[in-house]
Amino acid sequence: MRFFAVHGAAGKIAALISVPADDSSLVGMALESGQTMTEVEVPEIPYDLDPSSIMEQAAEVVENYRVEVEPVQGRLARIEAADPA
């Protein structure tokens, strides 16, 4: 099972979407301004639950967790001149 959290900049989760791990289709949802969708690991939800139990567990995750996203920053690296040898 793969999980995607829809969240704001502060990490507050607005929705948690689950899809089967073997489903390679794209996950999409209309996001509101300022929202982001991030794939997250949710070890608290066993994969062998029935759909209604997964929804109950997902609701608990939304209520009790937030997403921490570390900013990805580019870094410049100087290009070294080719060795004249």
Protein backbone atom coordinates (compact mmCIF):
# COMPACT_ATOMS: atom_id res chain seq x y z
CA MET A 1 0.00 0.00 0.00
CA ARG A 2 1.23 3.48 -0.87
CA PHE A 3 0.00 6.59 0.93
CA PHE A 4 -0.07 10.19 -0.25
CA ALA A 5 -0.72 13.08 2.15
CA VAL A 6 -2.27 16.32 0.95
CA HIS A 7 -0.96 19.03 3.25
CA GLY A 8 -0.19 22.70 3.68
CA ALA A 9 3.18 24.38 4.21
CA ALA A 10 3.03 23.75 7.97
CA GLY A 11 2.47 20.02 7.37
CA LYS A 12 -1.16 19.86 8.52
CA ILE A 13 -2.72 16.93 6.65
CA ALA A 14 -5.96 17.68 4.79
CA ALA A 15 -6.33 14.23 3.21
CA LEU A 16 -4.58 10.87 3.15
CA ILE A 17 -4.92 8.83 -0.04
CA SER A 18 -4.10 5.12 -0.24
CA VAL A 19 -3.44 3.12 -3.41
CA PRO A 20 -2.32 -0.49 -3.87
CA ALA A 21 1.48 -0.81 -4.02
CA ASP A 22 1.31 -2.55 -7.38
CA ASP A 23 -0.82 0.21 -8.94
CA SER A 24 1.45 2.23 -11.21
CA SER A 25 -1.23 4.71 -12.26
CA LEU A 26 -0.81 8.34 -11.38
CA VAL A 27 -2.37 9.63 -8.18
CA GLY A 28 -4.16 12.91 -8.62
CA MET A 29 -6.40 15.22 -6.70
CA ALA A 30 -7.42 18.83 -7.13
CA LEU A 31 -5.32 20.74 -4.62
CA GLU A 32 -6.25 24.03 -3.05
CA SER A 33 -3.88 26.97 -3.17
CA GLY A 34 -0.89 26.30 -0.90
CA GLN A 35 -1.41 22.54 -0.72
CA THR A 36 1.13 19.90 -1.71
CA MET A 37 0.85 16.13 -2.17
CA THR A 38 3.68 14.04 -0.72
CA GLU A 39 4.12 10.27 -0.64
CA VAL A 40 4.55 9.18 2.99
CA GLU A 41 5.24 5.94 4.83
CA VAL A 42 2.49 4.94 7.28
CA PRO A 43 3.75 1.89 9.18
CA GLU A 44 0.84 2.09 11.62
CA ILE A 45 -1.63 0.86 8.99
CA PRO A 46 -1.38 -2.89 8.24
CA TYR A 47 -1.84 -3.66 4.56
CA ASP A 48 -4.16 -6.61 5.09
CA LEU A 49 -7.06 -4.59 6.56
CA ASP A 50 -10.40 -4.26 4.83
CA PRO A 51 -11.07 -0.88 3.12
CA SER A 52 -13.29 0.51 5.91
CA SER A 53 -10.64 -0.28 8.55
CA ILE A 54 -7.97 1.37 6.41
CA MET A 55 -10.17 4.49 6.23
CA GLU A 56 -10.58 4.50 10.03
CA GLN A 57 -6.81 4.16 10.54
CA ALA A 58 -6.14 6.87 7.94
CA ALA A 59 -8.49 9.25 9.79
CA GLU A 60 -6.46 8.69 12.96
CA VAL A 61 -3.24 9.46 11.08
CA VAL A 62 -4.73 12.70 9.70
CA GLU A 63 -5.79 13.71 13.22
CA ASN A 64 -2.55 12.80 15.01
CA TYR A 65 0.27 13.46 12.54
CA ARG A 66 1.66 16.15 10.29
CA VAL A 67 4.04 15.93 7.34
CA GLU A 68 7.60 17.11 7.79
CA VAL A 69 9.14 18.00 4.46
CA GLU A 70 12.76 19.02 4.35
CA PRO A 71 13.32 21.67 1.72
CA VAL A 72 15.31 20.51 -1.24
CA GLN A 73 17.87 23.09 -2.21
CA GLY A 74 20.13 23.18 -5.20
CA ARG A 75 23.82 23.57 -4.60
CA LEU A 76 26.33 25.01 -7.03
CA ALA A 77 29.49 23.03 -7.64
CA ARG A 78 32.42 24.59 -9.46
CA ILE A 79 33.38 22.91 -12.71
CA GLU A 80 37.01 21.97 -12.50
CA ALA A 81 39.16 22.77 -15.53
CA ALA A 82 40.29 19.70 -17.45
CA ASP A 83 43.76 18.51 -16.47
CA PRO A 84 46.09 19.67 -19.27
CA ALA A 85 48.14 16.48 -19.07
